[in-house]
C-alpha atoms as a PDB file:
ATOM      1  CA  MET A   1     173.110 154.602 308.202  1.00  0.00           C
ATOM      2  CA  ASN A   2     169.671 156.094 307.712  1.00  0.00           C
ATOM      3  CA  GLU A   3     170.061 155.727 303.946  1.00  0.00           C
ATOM      4  CA  LEU A   4     170.530 151.966 304.319  1.00  0.00           C
ATOM      5  CA  LYS A   5     167.319 151.730 306.333  1.00  0.00           C
ATOM      6  CA  ASN A   6     165.476 153.685 303.646  1.00  0.00           C
ATOM      7  CA  LEU A   7     166.789 151.357 300.926  1.00  0.00           C
ATOM      8  CA  GLU A   8     165.866 148.287 302.965  1.00  0.00           C
ATOM      9  CA  SER A   9     162.345 149.600 303.396  1.00  0.00           C
ATOM     10  CA  LEU A  10     162.114 149.767 299.583  1.00  0.00           C
ATOM     11  CA  GLY A  11     163.248 146.147 299.308  1.00  0.00           C
ATOM     12  CA  LEU A  12     166.796 146.922 298.176  1.00  0.00           C
ATOM     13  CA  VAL A  13     169.564 145.212 300.129  1.00  0.00           C
ATOM     14  CA  LEU A  14     173.288 144.995 299.508  1.00  0.00           C
ATOM     15  CA  PRO A  15     174.658 141.566 298.574  1.00  0.00           C
ATOM     16  CA  SER A  16     176.731 139.651 301.087  1.00  0.00           C
ATOM     17  CA  PRO A  17     180.505 139.337 300.680  1.00  0.00           C
ATOM     18  CA  ALA A  18     180.045 135.626 299.875  1.00  0.00           C
ATOM     19  CA  TYR A  19     177.709 136.556 297.017  1.00  0.00           C
ATOM     20  CA  ILE A  20     180.138 139.121 295.616  1.00  0.00           C
ATOM     21  CA  LEU A  21     183.045 136.655 295.870  1.00  0.00           C
ATOM     22  CA  GLY A  22     181.018 133.954 294.122  1.00  0.00           C
ATOM     23  CA  ALA A  23     179.957 136.301 291.338  1.00  0.00           C
ATOM     24  CA  LEU A  24     183.587 137.322 290.752  1.00  0.00           C
ATOM     25  CA  VAL A  25     184.963 133.782 290.851  1.00  0.00           C
ATOM     26  CA  PHE A  26     182.334 132.328 288.530  1.00  0.00           C
ATOM     27  CA  GLY A  27     182.555 135.350 286.236  1.00  0.00           C
ATOM     28  CA  LEU A  28     186.305 134.856 285.832  1.00  0.00           C
ATOM     29  CA  ILE A  29     185.926 131.132 285.233  1.00  0.00           C
ATOM     30  CA  GLY A  30     183.205 131.896 282.699  1.00  0.00           C
ATOM     31  CA  TYR A  31     185.440 134.383 280.918  1.00  0.00           C
ATOM     32  CA  VAL A  32     188.239 131.806 280.641  1.00  0.00           C
ATOM     33  CA  ALA A  33     185.806 129.188 279.315  1.00  0.00           C
ATOM     34  CA  PHE A  34     184.349 131.693 276.849  1.00  0.00           C
ATOM     35  CA  ARG A  35     187.790 132.589 275.515  1.00  0.00           C
ATOM     36  CA  ARG A  36     188.801 128.936 275.219  1.00  0.00           C
ATOM     37  CA  GLY A  37     185.536 128.080 273.470  1.00  0.00           C
ATOM     38  CA  ARG A  38     185.966 130.903 270.943  1.00  0.00           C
ATOM     39  CA  LYS A  39     189.596 129.963 270.309  1.00  0.00           C
ATOM     40  CA  THR A  40     188.835 126.273 269.733  1.00  0.00           C
ATOM     41  CA  SER A  41     185.424 126.828 268.048  1.00  0.00           C
ATOM     42  CA  ARG A  42     183.606 124.740 270.650  1.00  0.00           C
ATOM     43  CA  ALA A  43     180.061 125.944 271.248  1.00  0.00           C
ATOM     44  CA  ALA A  44     179.661 124.064 274.540  1.00  0.00           C
ATOM     45  CA  LEU A  45     182.540 125.960 276.142  1.00  0.00           C
ATOM     46  CA  THR A  46     181.530 129.280 274.626  1.00  0.00           C
ATOM     47  CA  TRP A  47     177.915 129.145 275.812  1.00  0.00           C
ATOM     48  CA  GLY A  48     178.890 127.598 279.142  1.00  0.00           C
ATOM     49  CA  GLY A  49     181.211 130.543 279.706  1.00  0.00           C
ATOM     50  CA  VAL A  50     178.470 132.991 278.788  1.00  0.00           C
ATOM     51  CA  ALA A  51     176.111 131.254 281.205  1.00  0.00           C
ATOM     52  CA  LEU A  52     178.682 131.447 284.018  1.00  0.00           C
ATOM     53  CA  MET A  53     179.269 135.138 283.393  1.00  0.00           C
ATOM     54  CA  LEU A  54     175.603 136.126 283.212  1.00  0.00           C
ATOM     55  CA  TYR A  55     173.647 133.940 285.645  1.00  0.00           C
ATOM     56  CA  PRO A  56     174.596 135.917 288.799  1.00  0.00           C
ATOM     57  CA  TYR A  57     172.425 138.759 287.485  1.00  0.00           C
ATOM     58  CA  ALA A  58     169.351 136.495 287.629  1.00  0.00           C
ATOM     59  CA  ILE A  59     169.920 134.856 291.029  1.00  0.00           C
ATOM     60  CA  ALA A  60     169.461 136.693 294.329  1.00  0.00           C
ATOM     61  CA  GLN A  61     170.182 133.977 296.924  1.00  0.00           C
ATOM     62  CA  THR A  62     173.804 133.292 297.828  1.00  0.00           C
ATOM     63  CA  TRP A  63     173.351 129.544 298.316  1.00  0.00           C
ATOM     64  CA  LEU A  64     171.697 129.231 294.903  1.00  0.00           C
ATOM     65  CA  LEU A  65     174.475 131.254 293.265  1.00  0.00           C
ATOM     66  CA  TRP A  66     177.084 128.843 294.609  1.00  0.00           C
ATOM     67  CA  LEU A  67     175.025 125.747 293.775  1.00  0.00           C
ATOM     68  CA  VAL A  68     174.404 126.733 290.149  1.00  0.00           C
ATOM     69  CA  GLY A  69     177.981 127.975 289.743  1.00  0.00           C
ATOM     70  CA  ILE A  70     179.479 124.719 290.963  1.00  0.00           C
ATOM     71  CA  ALA A  71     177.139 122.743 288.715  1.00  0.00           C
ATOM     72  CA  LEU A  72     178.072 124.822 285.660  1.00  0.00           C
ATOM     73  CA  CYS A  73     181.779 124.523 286.490  1.00  0.00           C
ATOM     74  CA  GLY A  74     181.398 120.748 286.748  1.00  0.00           C
ATOM     75  CA  TRP A  75     179.697 120.676 283.360  1.00  0.00           C
ATOM     76  CA  LEU A  76     182.528 122.770 281.855  1.00  0.00           C
ATOM     77  CA  TYR A  77     185.089 120.455 283.444  1.00  0.00           C
ATOM     78  CA  VAL A  78     183.518 117.500 281.653  1.00  0.00           C
ATOM     79  CA  LYS A  79     183.429 119.365 278.309  1.00  0.00           C
ATOM     80  CA  TRP A  80     186.901 120.932 278.600  1.00  0.00           C
ATOM     81  CA  ASP A  81     189.052 117.987 277.316  1.00  0.00           C
END
């Protein structure tokens, strides 16, 4: 437990379970979109999938992760056909 306090004093905190779940869900959806985009040669799906897989590395807040993920999924839904 002391190690966690030391890490927190350095500014390092573990992500919440909601953040980890969101990163996994959006990563899997992104992987499916990426595969579909590569298979059908559609750049919008390919790059949308890449964005869904990679954006959790740039966002630290859980609410923002879910907001951006839902927005990107909505955009992929429109482009999916």
